[in-house]
C-alpha atoms as a PDB file:
ATOM      1  CA  UNK A   1       2.765  22.420 -11.877  1.00  0.00           C
ATOM      2  CA  UNK A   2       1.572  22.208  -8.285  1.00  0.00           C
ATOM      3  CA  UNK A   3       2.501  19.185  -6.235  1.00  0.00           C
ATOM      4  CA  UNK A   4      -1.151  18.127  -5.898  1.00  0.00           C
ATOM      5  CA  UNK A   5      -1.634  18.125  -9.677  1.00  0.00           C
ATOM      6  CA  UNK A   6      -0.715  14.995 -11.591  1.00  0.00           C
ATOM      7  CA  UNK A   7       0.339  14.444 -15.154  1.00  0.00           C
ATOM      8  CA  UNK A   8      -1.909  12.248 -17.281  1.00  0.00           C
ATOM      9  CA  UNK A   9      -0.577   8.704 -17.558  1.00  0.00           C
ATOM     10  CA  UNK A  10      -0.520   7.061 -20.961  1.00  0.00           C
ATOM     11  CA  UNK A  11      -2.429   3.859 -21.615  1.00  0.00           C
ATOM     12  CA  UNK A  12       0.859   2.078 -22.334  1.00  0.00           C
ATOM     13  CA  UNK A  13       2.345   3.140 -19.005  1.00  0.00           C
ATOM     14  CA  UNK A  14      -0.757   1.986 -17.130  1.00  0.00           C
ATOM     15  CA  UNK A  15      -0.580  -1.386 -18.900  1.00  0.00           C
ATOM     16  CA  UNK A  16       3.111  -1.674 -17.994  1.00  0.00           C
ATOM     17  CA  UNK A  17       2.366  -0.911 -14.347  1.00  0.00           C
ATOM     18  CA  UNK A  18      -0.489  -3.426 -14.198  1.00  0.00           C
ATOM     19  CA  UNK A  19       1.646  -6.123 -15.845  1.00  0.00           C
ATOM     20  CA  UNK A  20       4.507  -5.403 -13.444  1.00  0.00           C
ATOM     21  CA  UNK A  21       2.165  -5.707 -10.459  1.00  0.00           C
ATOM     22  CA  UNK A  22       0.745  -8.986 -11.784  1.00  0.00           C
ATOM     23  CA  UNK A  23       4.236 -10.435 -12.358  1.00  0.00           C
ATOM     24  CA  UNK A  24       5.891  -9.166  -9.170  1.00  0.00           C
ATOM     25  CA  UNK A  25       3.301  -8.981  -6.409  1.00  0.00           C
ATOM     26  CA  UNK A  26       0.581 -11.028  -4.752  1.00  0.00           C
ATOM     27  CA  UNK A  27      -2.710  -9.452  -3.755  1.00  0.00           C
ATOM     28  CA  UNK A  28      -3.996 -10.151  -0.253  1.00  0.00           C
ATOM     29  CA  UNK A  29      -7.479  -8.987   0.700  1.00  0.00           C
ATOM     30  CA  UNK A  30      -9.014  -9.165   4.147  1.00  0.00           C
ATOM     31  CA  UNK A  31     -11.992  -7.682   5.903  1.00  0.00           C
ATOM     32  CA  UNK A  32     -12.107  -5.704   9.126  1.00  0.00           C
ATOM     33  CA  UNK A  33     -15.066  -4.562  11.239  1.00  0.00           C
ATOM     34  CA  UNK A  34     -16.784  -1.356  10.106  1.00  0.00           C
ATOM     35  CA  UNK A  35     -14.929   1.737  11.288  1.00  0.00           C
ATOM     36  CA  UNK A  36     -11.642  -0.059  11.906  1.00  0.00           C
ATOM     37  CA  UNK A  37     -10.176   0.789   8.498  1.00  0.00           C
ATOM     38  CA  UNK A  38     -10.152   4.481   9.365  1.00  0.00           C
ATOM     39  CA  UNK A  39      -8.546   3.744  12.731  1.00  0.00           C
ATOM     40  CA  UNK A  40      -5.882   1.606  11.074  1.00  0.00           C
ATOM     41  CA  UNK A  41      -5.188   4.273   8.458  1.00  0.00           C
ATOM     42  CA  UNK A  42      -4.799   6.897  11.179  1.00  0.00           C
ATOM     43  CA  UNK A  43      -2.388   4.607  13.026  1.00  0.00           C
ATOM     44  CA  UNK A  44      -0.351   4.165   9.842  1.00  0.00           C
ATOM     45  CA  UNK A  45      -0.242   7.957   9.324  1.00  0.00           C
ATOM     46  CA  UNK A  46       0.857   8.556  12.921  1.00  0.00           C
ATOM     47  CA  UNK A  47       3.594   5.982  12.408  1.00  0.00           C
ATOM     48  CA  UNK A  48       4.875   7.874   9.371  1.00  0.00           C
ATOM     49  CA  UNK A  49       4.032   5.174   6.824  1.00  0.00           C
ATOM     50  CA  UNK A  50       3.242   6.175   3.241  1.00  0.00           C
ATOM     51  CA  UNK A  51       0.063   4.093   3.309  1.00  0.00           C
ATOM     52  CA  UNK A  52      -1.823   1.480   5.271  1.00  0.00           C
ATOM     53  CA  UNK A  53      -0.446  -1.158   2.912  1.00  0.00           C
ATOM     54  CA  UNK A  54       3.126  -0.011   3.542  1.00  0.00           C
ATOM     55  CA  UNK A  55       2.484  -0.011   7.286  1.00  0.00           C
ATOM     56  CA  UNK A  56       1.086  -3.551   7.259  1.00  0.00           C
ATOM     57  CA  UNK A  57       3.944  -4.794   5.056  1.00  0.00           C
ATOM     58  CA  UNK A  58       6.472  -3.357   7.507  1.00  0.00           C
ATOM     59  CA  UNK A  59       4.715  -4.921  10.496  1.00  0.00           C
ATOM     60  CA  UNK A  60       4.651  -8.328   8.844  1.00  0.00           C
ATOM     61  CA  UNK A  61       8.276  -8.124   7.701  1.00  0.00           C
ATOM     62  CA  UNK A  62       9.385  -7.107  11.201  1.00  0.00           C
ATOM     63  CA  UNK A  63       7.503 -10.069  12.676  1.00  0.00           C
ATOM     64  CA  UNK A  64       9.170 -12.444  10.206  1.00  0.00           C
ATOM     65  CA  UNK A  65      12.609 -11.064  11.135  1.00  0.00           C
ATOM     66  CA  UNK A  66      11.862 -11.662  14.828  1.00  0.00           C
ATOM     67  CA  UNK A  67      11.156 -15.314  14.094  1.00  0.00           C
ATOM     68  CA  UNK A  68      14.441 -15.914  12.265  1.00  0.00           C
END
């Protein structure tokens, strides 16, 4: 199987994942001006982050560490 191909995920596994997310994470949504999302994603990629979410989490955690 090629790396870009994915295995089908069972309904039970998807339910488990969704329940885990609900029990272990908070969802934060915010809006940015049109066109900025792509810029932010490119910045995250250049920084080596897996995703924009991972990049933002790291930035926020680093800022919290600076304060303590």
